[in-house]
Amino acid sequence: MAAGYADQYMEQGSTFSTQLNLTDDYGNPYNLSNFTVYSSAKKSYTTSNVAMTFTTTITDVNNGTVTLSLDAPTTANVPYGKYVYDVILKDQYNVTSRILEGQIFVSPGVTGVASSYGTDI
């Protein structure tokens, strides 16, 4: 089964949270019982350094709903531009599947908030 595709948009210096509804090839929601979810982003597929590691939460086990998130201080330190990401599922037998992929577009911030982030954005 091929991974699904979805683009995401993130604002530098803002809290990022997106809810994903994972479905199979027939449109049925995944039952995420006994699964662990992982997600990260890089500047390109060939870049070795991970630019972002998302906090992943299974928010609805029976309906395949997962939330990816990053706090505002973390996004403040992500350089603006285009990134690639994926979402990986691992079951209790360590079978790993890439379930979703796409691009993340990070828009630059203008107003730095030194007291909140430690440095200007």
PDB file of N, CA and C in Angstrom:
ATOM      1  N   MET A   1       0.835  -1.168   0.000  1.00  0.00           N
ATOM      2  CA  MET A   1       0.000   0.000   0.000  1.00  0.00           C
ATOM      3  C   MET A   1       0.886   1.239   0.000  1.00  0.00           C
ATOM      4  N   ALA A   2       0.607   2.171  -0.874  1.00  0.00           N
ATOM      5  CA  ALA A   2       1.371   3.413  -0.949  1.00  0.00           C
ATOM      6  C   ALA A   2       0.935   4.366   0.155  1.00  0.00           C
ATOM      7  N   ALA A   3       1.887   5.158   0.637  1.00  0.00           N
ATOM      8  CA  ALA A   3       1.582   6.165   1.657  1.00  0.00           C
ATOM      9  C   ALA A   3       0.679   7.241   1.068  1.00  0.00           C
ATOM     10  N   GLY A   4      -0.208   7.770   1.894  1.00  0.00           N
ATOM     11  CA  GLY A   4      -1.032   8.897   1.484  1.00  0.00           C
ATOM     12  C   GLY A   4      -0.185  10.158   1.422  1.00  0.00           C
ATOM     13  N   TYR A   5      -0.754  11.232   0.893  1.00  0.00           N
ATOM     14  CA  TYR A   5      -0.015  12.482   0.726  1.00  0.00           C
ATOM     15  C   TYR A   5      -0.854  13.646   1.233  1.00  0.00           C
ATOM     16  N   ALA A   6      -0.238  14.507   2.045  1.00  0.00           N
ATOM     17  CA  ALA A   6      -0.919  15.708   2.536  1.00  0.00           C
ATOM     18  C   ALA A   6       0.121  16.768   2.865  1.00  0.00           C
ATOM     19  N   ASP A   7      -0.077  17.967   2.332  1.00  0.00           N
ATOM     20  CA  ASP A   7       0.797  19.092   2.657  1.00  0.00           C
ATOM     21  C   ASP A   7       0.318  19.764   3.942  1.00  0.00           C
ATOM     22  N   GLN A   8       1.254  20.390   4.650  1.00  0.00           N
ATOM     23  CA  GLN A   8       0.960  21.088   5.899  1.00  0.00           C
ATOM     24  C   GLN A   8       1.554  22.491   5.834  1.00  0.00           C
ATOM     25  N   TYR A   9       1.006  23.394   6.600  1.00  0.00           N
ATOM     26  CA  TYR A   9       1.500  24.776   6.676  1.00  0.00           C
ATOM     27  C   TYR A   9       1.759  25.125   8.130  1.00  0.00           C
ATOM     28  N   MET A  10       2.912  25.735   8.388  1.00  0.00           N
ATOM     29  CA  MET A  10       3.327  26.082   9.736  1.00  0.00           C
ATOM     30  C   MET A  10       3.792  27.532   9.750  1.00  0.00           C
ATOM     31  N   GLU A  11       3.442  28.255  10.792  1.00  0.00           N
ATOM     32  CA  GLU A  11       3.897  29.625  10.952  1.00  0.00           C
ATOM     33  C   GLU A  11       5.024  29.657  11.981  1.00  0.00           C
ATOM     34  N   GLN A  12       6.138  30.216  11.596  1.00  0.00           N
ATOM     35  CA  GLN A  12       7.298  30.324  12.474  1.00  0.00           C
ATOM     36  C   GLN A  12       6.890  31.092  13.740  1.00  0.00           C
ATOM     37  N   GLY A  13       7.220  30.563  14.900  1.00  0.00           N
ATOM     38  CA  GLY A  13       6.934  31.229  16.167  1.00  0.00           C
ATOM     39  C   GLY A  13       5.534  31.008  16.699  1.00  0.00           C
ATOM     40  N   SER A  14       4.732  30.176  16.030  1.00  0.00           N
ATOM     41  CA  SER A  14       3.372  29.873  16.485  1.00  0.00           C
ATOM     42  C   SER A  14       3.270  28.396  16.850  1.00  0.00           C
ATOM     43  N   THR A  15       2.350  28.096  17.740  1.00  0.00           N
ATOM     44  CA  THR A  15       2.088  26.700  18.071  1.00  0.00           C
ATOM     45  C   THR A  15       1.540  26.008  16.831  1.00  0.00           C
ATOM     46  N   PHE A  16       2.085  24.843  16.525  1.00  0.00           N
ATOM     47  CA  PHE A  16       1.636  24.065  15.374  1.00  0.00           C
ATOM     48  C   PHE A  16       0.930  22.819  15.875  1.00  0.00           C
ATOM     49  N   SER A  17      -0.258  22.565  15.338  1.00  0.00           N
ATOM     50  CA  SER A  17      -0.988  21.348  15.658  1.00  0.00           C
ATOM     51  C   SER A  17      -1.868  21.012  14.469  1.00  0.00           C
ATOM     52  N   THR A  18      -1.772  19.785  14.010  1.00  0.00           N
ATOM     53  CA  THR A  18      -2.622  19.344  12.909  1.00  0.00           C
ATOM     54  C   THR A  18      -3.158  17.957  13.239  1.00  0.00           C
ATOM     55  N   GLN A  19      -4.424  17.766  12.957  1.00  0.00           N
ATOM     56  CA  GLN A  19      -5.070  16.487  13.200  1.00  0.00           C
ATOM     57  C   GLN A  19      -5.175  15.742  11.877  1.00  0.00           C
ATOM     58  N   LEU A  20      -4.709  14.508  11.864  1.00  0.00           N
ATOM     59  CA  LEU A  20      -4.723  13.684  10.659  1.00  0.00           C
ATOM     60  C   LEU A  20      -5.665  12.509  10.874  1.00  0.00           C
ATOM     61  N   ASN A  21      -6.503  12.244   9.878  1.00  0.00           N
ATOM     62  CA  ASN A  21      -7.387  11.081   9.919  1.00  0.00           C
ATOM     63  C   ASN A  21      -6.832  10.053   8.949  1.00  0.00           C
ATOM     64  N   LEU A  22      -6.218   9.012   9.490  1.00  0.00           N
ATOM     65  CA  LEU A  22      -5.538   8.005   8.679  1.00  0.00           C
ATOM     66  C   LEU A  22      -6.524   6.947   8.213  1.00  0.00           C
ATOM     67  N   THR A  23      -6.537   6.724   6.891  1.00  0.00           N
ATOM     68  CA  THR A  23      -7.447   5.740   6.312  1.00  0.00           C
ATOM     69  C   THR A  23      -6.669   4.789   5.404  1.00  0.00           C
ATOM     70  N   ASP A  24      -7.255   3.618   5.176  1.00  0.00           N
ATOM     71  CA  ASP A  24      -6.631   2.653   4.273  1.00  0.00           C
ATOM     72  C   ASP A  24      -7.007   2.965   2.826  1.00  0.00           C
ATOM     73  N   ASP A  25      -6.611   2.102   1.908  1.00  0.00           N
ATOM     74  CA  ASP A  25      -6.874   2.321   0.478  1.00  0.00           C
ATOM     75  C   ASP A  25      -8.357   2.379   0.132  1.00  0.00           C
ATOM     76  N   TYR A  26      -9.200   1.861   1.014  1.00  0.00           N
ATOM     77  CA  TYR A  26     -10.638   1.828   0.760  1.00  0.00           C
ATOM     78  C   TYR A  26     -11.383   2.943   1.501  1.00  0.00           C
ATOM     79  N   GLY A  27     -10.638   3.818   2.166  1.00  0.00           N
ATOM     80  CA  GLY A  27     -11.245   4.926   2.892  1.00  0.00           C
ATOM     81  C   GLY A  27     -11.701   4.593   4.295  1.00  0.00           C
ATOM     82  N   ASN A  28     -11.389   3.384   4.757  1.00  0.00           N
ATOM     83  CA  ASN A  28     -11.762   2.988   6.114  1.00  0.00           C
ATOM     84  C   ASN A  28     -10.726   3.523   7.102  1.00  0.00           C
ATOM     85  N   PRO A  29     -11.173   4.033   8.251  1.00  0.00           N
ATOM     86  CA  PRO A  29     -10.204   4.535   9.233  1.00  0.00           C
ATOM     87  C   PRO A  29      -9.371   3.400   9.822  1.00  0.00           C
ATOM     88  N   TYR A  30      -8.100   3.712  10.058  1.00  0.00           N
ATOM     89  CA  TYR A  30      -7.221   2.753  10.721  1.00  0.00           C
ATOM     90  C   TYR A  30      -7.632   2.592  12.166  1.00  0.00           C
ATOM     91  N   ASN A  31      -7.612   1.367  12.669  1.00  0.00           N
ATOM     92  CA  ASN A  31      -7.726   1.130  14.094  1.00  0.00           C
ATOM     93  C   ASN A  31      -6.301   1.144  14.619  1.00  0.00           C
ATOM     94  N   LEU A  32      -5.977   2.113  15.452  1.00  0.00           N
ATOM     95  CA  LEU A  32      -4.601   2.318  15.902  1.00  0.00           C
ATOM     96  C   LEU A  32      -4.282   1.636  17.230  1.00  0.00           C
ATOM     97  N   SER A  33      -5.123   0.668  17.624  1.00  0.00           N
ATOM     98  CA  SER A  33      -4.804  -0.118  18.819  1.00  0.00           C
ATOM     99  C   SER A  33      -3.471  -0.825  18.609  1.00  0.00           C
ATOM    100  N   ASN A  34      -2.622  -0.783  19.600  1.00  0.00           N
ATOM    101  CA  ASN A  34      -1.305  -1.444  19.574  1.00  0.00           C
ATOM    102  C   ASN A  34      -0.345  -0.850  18.553  1.00  0.00           C
ATOM    103  N   PHE A  35      -0.546   0.412  18.169  1.00  0.00           N
ATOM    104  CA  PHE A  35       0.377   1.107  17.276  1.00  0.00           C
ATOM    105  C   PHE A  35       1.054   2.250  18.011  1.00  0.00           C
ATOM    106  N   THR A  36       2.244   2.555  17.564  1.00  0.00           N
ATOM    107  CA  THR A  36       2.970   3.753  17.982  1.00  0.00           C
ATOM    108  C   THR A  36       3.170   4.594  16.740  1.00  0.00           C
ATOM    109  N   VAL A  37       3.071   5.911  16.878  1.00  0.00           N
ATOM    110  CA  VAL A  37       3.178   6.817  15.741  1.00  0.00           C
ATOM    111  C   VAL A  37       4.427   7.677  15.900  1.00  0.00           C
ATOM    112  N   TYR A  38       5.142   7.865  14.794  1.00  0.00           N
ATOM    113  CA  TYR A  38       6.336   8.705  14.751  1.00  0.00           C
ATOM    114  C   TYR A  38       6.216   9.646  13.566  1.00  0.00           C
ATOM    115  N   SER A  39       6.785  10.851  13.707  1.00  0.00           N
ATOM    116  CA  SER A  39       6.790  11.773  12.584  1.00  0.00           C
ATOM    117  C   SER A  39       7.921  12.783  12.744  1.00  0.00           C
ATOM    118  N   SER A  40       8.585  13.050  11.646  1.00  0.00           N
ATOM    119  CA  SER A  40       9.636  14.066  11.639  1.00  0.00           C
ATOM    120  C   SER A  40       9.707  14.700  10.258  1.00  0.00           C
ATOM    121  N   ALA A  41      10.491  15.781  10.176  1.00  0.00           N
ATOM    122  CA  ALA A  41      10.643  16.505   8.913  1.00  0.00           C
ATOM    123  C   ALA A  41      12.106  16.836   8.694  1.00  0.00           C
ATOM    124  N   LYS A  42      12.473  16.896   7.419  1.00  0.00           N
ATOM    125  CA  LYS A  42      13.826  17.264   6.987  1.00  0.00           C
ATOM    126  C   LYS A  42      13.711  18.317   5.901  1.00  0.00           C
ATOM    127  N   LYS A  43      14.824  18.983   5.625  1.00  0.00           N
ATOM    128  CA  LYS A  43      14.846  19.977   4.555  1.00  0.00           C
ATOM    129  C   LYS A  43      14.646  19.312   3.192  1.00  0.00           C
ATOM    130  N   SER A  44      15.170  18.109   3.013  1.00  0.00           N
ATOM    131  CA  SER A  44      14.956  17.350   1.780  1.00  0.00           C
ATOM    132  C   SER A  44      15.062  15.866   2.116  1.00  0.00           C
ATOM    133  N   TYR A  45      14.667  15.032   1.172  1.00  0.00           N
ATOM    134  CA  TYR A  45      14.726  13.588   1.406  1.00  0.00           C
ATOM    135  C   TYR A  45      16.153  13.100   1.618  1.00  0.00           C
ATOM    136  N   THR A  46      17.118  13.774   1.025  1.00  0.00           N
ATOM    137  CA  THR A  46      18.513  13.327   1.105  1.00  0.00           C
ATOM    138  C   THR A  46      19.289  13.963   2.249  1.00  0.00           C
ATOM    139  N   THR A  47      18.697  14.910   2.960  1.00  0.00           N
ATOM    140  CA  THR A  47      19.345  15.543   4.102  1.00  0.00           C
ATOM    141  C   THR A  47      19.415  14.549   5.257  1.00  0.00           C
ATOM    142  N   SER A  48      20.557  14.473   5.914  1.00  0.00           N
ATOM    143  CA  SER A  48      20.678  13.533   7.029  1.00  0.00           C
ATOM    144  C   SER A  48      20.127  14.104   8.338  1.00  0.00           C
ATOM    145  N   ASN A  49      20.133  15.417   8.498  1.00  0.00           N
ATOM    146  CA  ASN A  49      19.685  16.032   9.750  1.00  0.00           C
ATOM    147  C   ASN A  49      18.172  16.215   9.779  1.00  0.00           C
ATOM    148  N   VAL A  50      17.580  15.815  10.890  1.00  0.00           N
ATOM    149  CA  VAL A  50      16.151  16.029  11.100  1.00  0.00           C
ATOM    150  C   VAL A  50      15.954  17.469  11.565  1.00  0.00           C
ATOM    151  N   ALA A  51      15.063  18.199  10.908  1.00  0.00           N
ATOM    152  CA  ALA A  51      14.792  19.592  11.259  1.00  0.00           C
ATOM    153  C   ALA A  51      13.732  19.705  12.356  1.00  0.00           C
ATOM    154  N   MET A  52      12.779  18.783  12.366  1.00  0.00           N
ATOM    155  CA  MET A  52      11.677  18.800  13.337  1.00  0.00           C
ATOM    156  C   MET A  52      11.288  17.378  13.685  1.00  0.00           C
ATOM    157  N   THR A  53      11.084  17.130  14.960  1.00  0.00           N
ATOM    158  CA  THR A  53      10.505  15.870  15.415  1.00  0.00           C
ATOM    159  C   THR A  53       9.202  16.224  16.107  1.00  0.00           C
ATOM    160  N   PHE A  54       8.115  15.781  15.553  1.00  0.00           N
ATOM    161  CA  PHE A  54       6.803  16.150  16.059  1.00  0.00           C
ATOM    162  C   PHE A  54       6.437  15.356  17.298  1.00  0.00           C
ATOM    163  N   THR A  55       5.697  16.000  18.182  1.00  0.00           N
ATOM    164  CA  THR A  55       5.021  15.288  19.250  1.00  0.00           C
ATOM    165  C   THR A  55       3.816  14.632  18.597  1.00  0.00           C
ATOM    166  N   THR A  56       3.714  13.317  18.717  1.00  0.00           N
ATOM    167  CA  THR A  56       2.619  12.590  18.076  1.00  0.00           C
ATOM    168  C   THR A  56       1.698  12.015  19.143  1.00  0.00           C
ATOM    169  N   THR A  57       0.413  12.193  18.943  1.00  0.00           N
ATOM    170  CA  THR A  57      -0.577  11.705  19.889  1.00  0.00           C
ATOM    171  C   THR A  57      -1.680  11.002  19.109  1.00  0.00           C
ATOM    172  N   ILE A  58      -2.003   9.793  19.511  1.00  0.00           N
ATOM    173  CA  ILE A  58      -3.161   9.108  18.934  1.00  0.00           C
ATOM    174  C   ILE A  58      -4.369   9.652  19.690  1.00  0.00           C
ATOM    175  N   THR A  59      -5.184  10.438  19.007  1.00  0.00           N
ATOM    176  CA  THR A  59      -6.301  11.108  19.676  1.00  0.00           C
ATOM    177  C   THR A  59      -7.623  10.353  19.547  1.00  0.00           C
ATOM    178  N   ASP A  60      -7.714   9.433  18.603  1.00  0.00           N
ATOM    179  CA  ASP A  60      -8.901   8.579  18.472  1.00  0.00           C
ATOM    180  C   ASP A  60      -8.448   7.246  17.885  1.00  0.00           C
ATOM    181  N   VAL A  61      -8.266   6.270  18.752  1.00  0.00           N
ATOM    182  CA  VAL A  61      -7.737   4.950  18.359  1.00  0.00           C
ATOM    183  C   VAL A  61      -8.606   4.290  17.304  1.00  0.00           C
ATOM    184  N   ASN A  62      -9.914   4.294  17.487  1.00  0.00           N
ATOM    185  CA  ASN A  62     -10.822   3.569  16.595  1.00  0.00           C
ATOM    186  C   ASN A  62     -11.022   4.237  15.244  1.00  0.00           C
ATOM    187  N   ASN A  63     -10.825   5.543  15.187  1.00  0.00           N
ATOM    188  CA  ASN A  63     -11.060   6.272  13.942  1.00  0.00           C
ATOM    189  C   ASN A  63      -9.784   6.742  13.264  1.00  0.00           C
ATOM    190  N   GLY A  64      -8.639   6.242  13.701  1.00  0.00           N
ATOM    191  CA  GLY A  64      -7.378   6.537  13.035  1.00  0.00           C
ATOM    192  C   GLY A  64      -6.942   7.982  13.098  1.00  0.00           C
ATOM    193  N   THR A  65      -7.281   8.674  14.179  1.00  0.00           N
ATOM    194  CA  THR A  65      -6.948  10.092  14.283  1.00  0.00           C
ATOM    195  C   THR A  65      -5.675  10.291  15.089  1.00  0.00           C
ATOM    196  N   VAL A  66      -4.761  11.038  14.484  1.00  0.00           N
ATOM    197  CA  VAL A  66      -3.450  11.327  15.079  1.00  0.00           C
ATOM    198  C   VAL A  66      -3.247  12.834  15.053  1.00  0.00           C
ATOM    199  N   THR A  67      -2.631  13.372  16.101  1.00  0.00           N
ATOM    200  CA  THR A  67      -2.284  14.784  16.133  1.00  0.00           C
ATOM    201  C   THR A  67      -0.770  14.923  16.134  1.00  0.00           C
ATOM    202  N   LEU A  68      -0.263  15.778  15.229  1.00  0.00           N
ATOM    203  CA  LEU A  68       1.149  16.153  15.205  1.00  0.00           C
ATOM    204  C   LEU A  68       1.236  17.564  15.754  1.00  0.00           C
ATOM    205  N   SER A  69       2.211  17.828  16.626  1.00  0.00           N
ATOM    206  CA  SER A  69       2.309  19.169  17.181  1.00  0.00           C
ATOM    207  C   SER A  69       3.744  19.550  17.511  1.00  0.00           C
ATOM    208  N   LEU A  70       3.954  20.871  17.559  1.00  0.00           N
ATOM    209  CA  LEU A  70       5.200  21.494  18.011  1.00  0.00           C
ATOM    210  C   LEU A  70       4.816  22.755  18.765  1.00  0.00           C
ATOM    211  N   ASP A  71       5.548  23.078  19.835  1.00  0.00           N
ATOM    212  CA  ASP A  71       5.249  24.308  20.568  1.00  0.00           C
ATOM    213  C   ASP A  71       5.868  25.521  19.872  1.00  0.00           C
ATOM    214  N   ALA A  72       5.416  26.703  20.271  1.00  0.00           N
ATOM    215  CA  ALA A  72       5.858  27.946  19.631  1.00  0.00           C
ATOM    216  C   ALA A  72       7.370  28.178  19.737  1.00  0.00           C
ATOM    217  N   PRO A  73       8.016  27.939  20.883  1.00  0.00           N
ATOM    218  CA  PRO A  73       9.469  28.135  20.925  1.00  0.00           C
ATOM    219  C   PRO A  73      10.221  27.230  19.941  1.00  0.00           C
ATOM    220  N   THR A  74       9.699  26.046  19.697  1.00  0.00           N
ATOM    221  CA  THR A  74      10.338  25.137  18.737  1.00  0.00           C
ATOM    222  C   THR A  74      10.171  25.648  17.324  1.00  0.00           C
ATOM    223  N   THR A  75       8.958  26.051  16.936  1.00  0.00           N
ATOM    224  CA  THR A  75       8.752  26.543  15.569  1.00  0.00           C
ATOM    225  C   THR A  75       9.492  27.859  15.333  1.00  0.00           C
ATOM    226  N   ALA A  76       9.730  28.630  16.399  1.00  0.00           N
ATOM    227  CA  ALA A  76      10.473  29.883  16.258  1.00  0.00           C
ATOM    228  C   ALA A  76      11.893  29.637  15.769  1.00  0.00           C
ATOM    229  N   ASN A  77      12.421  28.453  16.075  1.00  0.00           N
ATOM    230  CA  ASN A  77      13.795  28.119  15.697  1.00  0.00           C
ATOM    231  C   ASN A  77      13.905  27.323  14.403  1.00  0.00           C
ATOM    232  N   VAL A  78      12.784  27.103  13.737  1.00  0.00           N
ATOM    233  CA  VAL A  78      12.795  26.396  12.452  1.00  0.00           C
ATOM    234  C   VAL A  78      12.942  27.440  11.347  1.00  0.00           C
ATOM    235  N   PRO A  79      14.019  27.394  10.563  1.00  0.00           N
ATOM    236  CA  PRO A  79      14.157  28.351   9.458  1.00  0.00           C
ATOM    237  C   PRO A  79      12.987  28.212   8.480  1.00  0.00           C
ATOM    238  N   TYR A  80      12.525  29.345   7.972  1.00  0.00           N
ATOM    239  CA  TYR A  80      11.397  29.294   7.035  1.00  0.00           C
ATOM    240  C   TYR A  80      11.819  28.591   5.750  1.00  0.00           C
ATOM    241  N   GLY A  81      10.836  28.058   5.051  1.00  0.00           N
ATOM    242  CA  GLY A  81      11.093  27.361   3.793  1.00  0.00           C
ATOM    243  C   GLY A  81      10.256  26.101   3.690  1.00  0.00           C
ATOM    244  N   LYS A  82      10.640  25.263   2.755  1.00  0.00           N
ATOM    245  CA  LYS A  82       9.910  24.025   2.458  1.00  0.00           C
ATOM    246  C   LYS A  82      10.654  22.838   3.054  1.00  0.00           C
ATOM    247  N   TYR A  83       9.909  21.908   3.644  1.00  0.00           N
ATOM    248  CA  TYR A  83      10.446  20.686   4.242  1.00  0.00           C
ATOM    249  C   TYR A  83       9.621  19.494   3.752  1.00  0.00           C
ATOM    250  N   VAL A  84      10.151  18.312   3.921  1.00  0.00           N
ATOM    251  CA  VAL A  84       9.399  17.085   3.669  1.00  0.00           C
ATOM    252  C   VAL A  84       9.208  16.365   5.001  1.00  0.00           C
ATOM    253  N   TYR A  85       8.089  15.667   5.129  1.00  0.00           N
ATOM    254  CA  TYR A  85       7.813  14.942   6.371  1.00  0.00           C
ATOM    255  C   TYR A  85       7.143  13.618   6.032  1.00  0.00           C
ATOM    256  N   ASP A  86       7.118  12.745   7.018  1.00  0.00           N
ATOM    257  CA  ASP A  86       6.318  11.534   6.900  1.00  0.00           C
ATOM    258  C   ASP A  86       5.801  11.128   8.267  1.00  0.00           C
ATOM    259  N   VAL A  87       4.833  10.217   8.236  1.00  0.00           N
ATOM    260  CA  VAL A  87       4.245   9.660   9.448  1.00  0.00           C
ATOM    261  C   VAL A  87       4.419   8.154   9.368  1.00  0.00           C
ATOM    262  N   ILE A  88       4.992   7.598  10.414  1.00  0.00           N
ATOM    263  CA  ILE A  88       5.310   6.170  10.472  1.00  0.00           C
ATOM    264  C   ILE A  88       4.467   5.507  11.558  1.00  0.00           C
ATOM    265  N   LEU A  89       3.919   4.342  11.248  1.00  0.00           N
ATOM    266  CA  LEU A  89       3.224   3.517  12.236  1.00  0.00           C
ATOM    267  C   LEU A  89       4.069   2.288  12.522  1.00  0.00           C
ATOM    268  N   LYS A  90       4.161   1.937  13.798  1.00  0.00           N
ATOM    269  CA  LYS A  90       4.858   0.712  14.185  1.00  0.00           C
ATOM    270  C   LYS A  90       3.913  -0.084  15.081  1.00  0.00           C
ATOM    271  N   ASP A  91       3.702  -1.362  14.736  1.00  0.00           N
ATOM    272  CA  ASP A  91       2.792  -2.179  15.533  1.00  0.00           C
ATOM    273  C   ASP A  91       3.541  -2.912  16.637  1.00  0.00           C
ATOM    274  N   GLN A  92       2.812  -3.714  17.406  1.00  0.00           N
ATOM    275  CA  GLN A  92       3.415  -4.399  18.550  1.00  0.00           C
ATOM    276  C   GLN A  92       4.452  -5.449  18.147  1.00  0.00           C
ATOM    277  N   TYR A  93       4.488  -5.817  16.864  1.00  0.00           N
ATOM    278  CA  TYR A  93       5.469  -6.783  16.366  1.00  0.00           C
ATOM    279  C   TYR A  93       6.650  -6.091  15.688  1.00  0.00           C
ATOM    280  N   ASN A  94       6.726  -4.763  15.825  1.00  0.00           N
ATOM    281  CA  ASN A  94       7.767  -3.927  15.210  1.00  0.00           C
ATOM    282  C   ASN A  94       7.678  -3.865  13.690  1.00  0.00           C
ATOM    283  N   VAL A  95       6.500  -4.175  13.140  1.00  0.00           N
ATOM    284  CA  VAL A  95       6.280  -3.978  11.711  1.00  0.00           C
ATOM    285  C   VAL A  95       6.053  -2.485  11.509  1.00  0.00           C
ATOM    286  N   THR A  96       6.850  -1.896  10.645  1.00  0.00           N
ATOM    287  CA  THR A  96       6.833  -0.453  10.437  1.00  0.00           C
ATOM    288  C   THR A  96       6.296  -0.127   9.058  1.00  0.00           C
ATOM    289  N   SER A  97       5.393   0.868   9.001  1.00  0.00           N
ATOM    290  CA  SER A  97       4.800   1.291   7.739  1.00  0.00           C
ATOM    291  C   SER A  97       4.791   2.813   7.649  1.00  0.00           C
ATOM    292  N   ARG A  98       5.184   3.324   6.492  1.00  0.00           N
ATOM    293  CA  ARG A  98       5.036   4.762   6.244  1.00  0.00           C
ATOM    294  C   ARG A  98       3.621   4.941   5.733  1.00  0.00           C
ATOM    295  N   ILE A  99       2.821   5.696   6.475  1.00  0.00           N
ATOM    296  CA  ILE A  99       1.403   5.813   6.183  1.00  0.00           C
ATOM    297  C   ILE A  99       1.039   7.129   5.493  1.00  0.00           C
ATOM    298  N   LEU A 100       1.875   8.159   5.714  1.00  0.00           N
ATOM    299  CA  LEU A 100       1.576   9.472   5.152  1.00  0.00           C
ATOM    300  C   LEU A 100       2.875  10.220   4.903  1.00  0.00           C
ATOM    301  N   GLU A 101       2.885  11.030   3.855  1.00  0.00           N
ATOM    302  CA  GLU A 101       4.040  11.868   3.549  1.00  0.00           C
ATOM    303  C   GLU A 101       3.546  13.161   2.925  1.00  0.00           C
ATOM    304  N   GLY A 102       4.434  14.135   2.835  1.00  0.00           N
ATOM    305  CA  GLY A 102       4.068  15.389   2.206  1.00  0.00           C
ATOM    306  C   GLY A 102       5.120  16.450   2.431  1.00  0.00           C
ATOM    307  N   GLN A 103       4.738  17.674   2.170  1.00  0.00           N
ATOM    308  CA  GLN A 103       5.618  18.814   2.376  1.00  0.00           C
ATOM    309  C   GLN A 103       5.041  19.700   3.472  1.00  0.00           C
ATOM    310  N   ILE A 104       5.927  20.369   4.179  1.00  0.00           N
ATOM    311  CA  ILE A 104       5.537  21.370   5.171  1.00  0.00           C
ATOM    312  C   ILE A 104       6.130  22.690   4.713  1.00  0.00           C
ATOM    313  N   PHE A 105       5.284  23.683   4.614  1.00  0.00           N
ATOM    314  CA  PHE A 105       5.723  25.021   4.237  1.00  0.00           C
ATOM    315  C   PHE A 105       5.736  25.874   5.502  1.00  0.00           C
ATOM    316  N   VAL A 106       6.910  26.361   5.882  1.00  0.00           N
ATOM    317  CA  VAL A 106       7.065  27.184   7.077  1.00  0.00           C
ATOM    318  C   VAL A 106       7.173  28.640   6.642  1.00  0.00           C
ATOM    319  N   SER A 107       6.194  29.456   7.057  1.00  0.00           N
ATOM    320  CA  SER A 107       6.233  30.875   6.713  1.00  0.00           C
ATOM    321  C   SER A 107       7.009  31.634   7.787  1.00  0.00           C
ATOM    322  N   PRO A 108       7.783  32.655   7.378  1.00  0.00           N
ATOM    323  CA  PRO A 108       8.627  33.374   8.343  1.00  0.00           C
ATOM    324  C   PRO A 108       7.809  34.267   9.261  1.00  0.00           C
ATOM    325  N   GLY A 109       8.298  34.387  10.493  1.00  0.00           N
ATOM    326  CA  GLY A 109       7.697  35.308  11.444  1.00  0.00           C
ATOM    327  C   GLY A 109       8.305  36.691  11.289  1.00  0.00           C
ATOM    328  N   VAL A 110       7.574  37.706  11.690  1.00  0.00           N
ATOM    329  CA  VAL A 110       8.045  39.085  11.604  1.00  0.00           C
ATOM    330  C   VAL A 110       8.323  39.643  12.994  1.00  0.00           C
ATOM    331  N   THR A 111       7.410  39.409  13.925  1.00  0.00           N
ATOM    332  CA  THR A 111       7.523  39.975  15.257  1.00  0.00           C
ATOM    333  C   THR A 111       8.236  39.004  16.177  1.00  0.00           C
ATOM    334  N   GLY A 112       9.433  39.361  16.618  1.00  0.00           N
ATOM    335  CA  GLY A 112      10.160  38.535  17.583  1.00  0.00           C
ATOM    336  C   GLY A 112       9.657  38.827  18.978  1.00  0.00           C
ATOM    337  N   VAL A 113       9.596  37.816  19.803  1.00  0.00           N
ATOM    338  CA  VAL A 113       9.156  37.974  21.182  1.00  0.00           C
ATOM    339  C   VAL A 113      10.271  37.454  22.068  1.00  0.00           C
ATOM    340  N   ALA A 114      11.247  38.326  22.365  1.00  0.00           N
ATOM    341  CA  ALA A 114      12.450  37.922  23.073  1.00  0.00           C
ATOM    342  C   ALA A 114      12.138  37.352  24.449  1.00  0.00           C
ATOM    343  N   SER A 115      11.138  37.893  25.138  1.00  0.00           N
ATOM    344  CA  SER A 115      10.853  37.403  26.478  1.00  0.00           C
ATOM    345  C   SER A 115      10.301  35.988  26.465  1.00  0.00           C
ATOM    346  N   SER A 116       9.659  35.580  25.373  1.00  0.00           N
ATOM    347  CA  SER A 116       9.093  34.236  25.296  1.00  0.00           C
ATOM    348  C   SER A 116      10.071  33.221  24.731  1.00  0.00           C
ATOM    349  N   TYR A 117      10.887  33.617  23.766  1.00  0.00           N
ATOM    350  CA  TYR A 117      11.724  32.669  23.039  1.00  0.00           C
ATOM    351  C   TYR A 117      13.199  32.787  23.372  1.00  0.00           C
ATOM    352  N   GLY A 118      13.604  33.869  23.980  1.00  0.00           N
ATOM    353  CA  GLY A 118      15.015  34.040  24.290  1.00  0.00           C
ATOM    354  C   GLY A 118      15.762  34.832  23.231  1.00  0.00           C
ATOM    355  N   THR A 119      15.306  34.788  22.003  1.00  0.00           N
ATOM    356  CA  THR A 119      15.895  35.563  20.922  1.00  0.00           C
ATOM    357  C   THR A 119      14.786  35.986  19.972  1.00  0.00           C
ATOM    358  N   ASP A 120      15.085  36.983  19.169  1.00  0.00           N
ATOM    359  CA  ASP A 120      14.110  37.385  18.154  1.00  0.00           C
ATOM    360  C   ASP A 120      13.974  36.303  17.122  1.00  0.00           C
ATOM    361  N   ILE A 121      12.807  36.225  16.552  1.00  0.00           N
ATOM    362  CA  ILE A 121      12.543  35.245  15.496  1.00  0.00           C
ATOM    363  C   ILE A 121      13.241  35.687  14.237  1.00  0.00           C
TER     364      ILE A 121
END
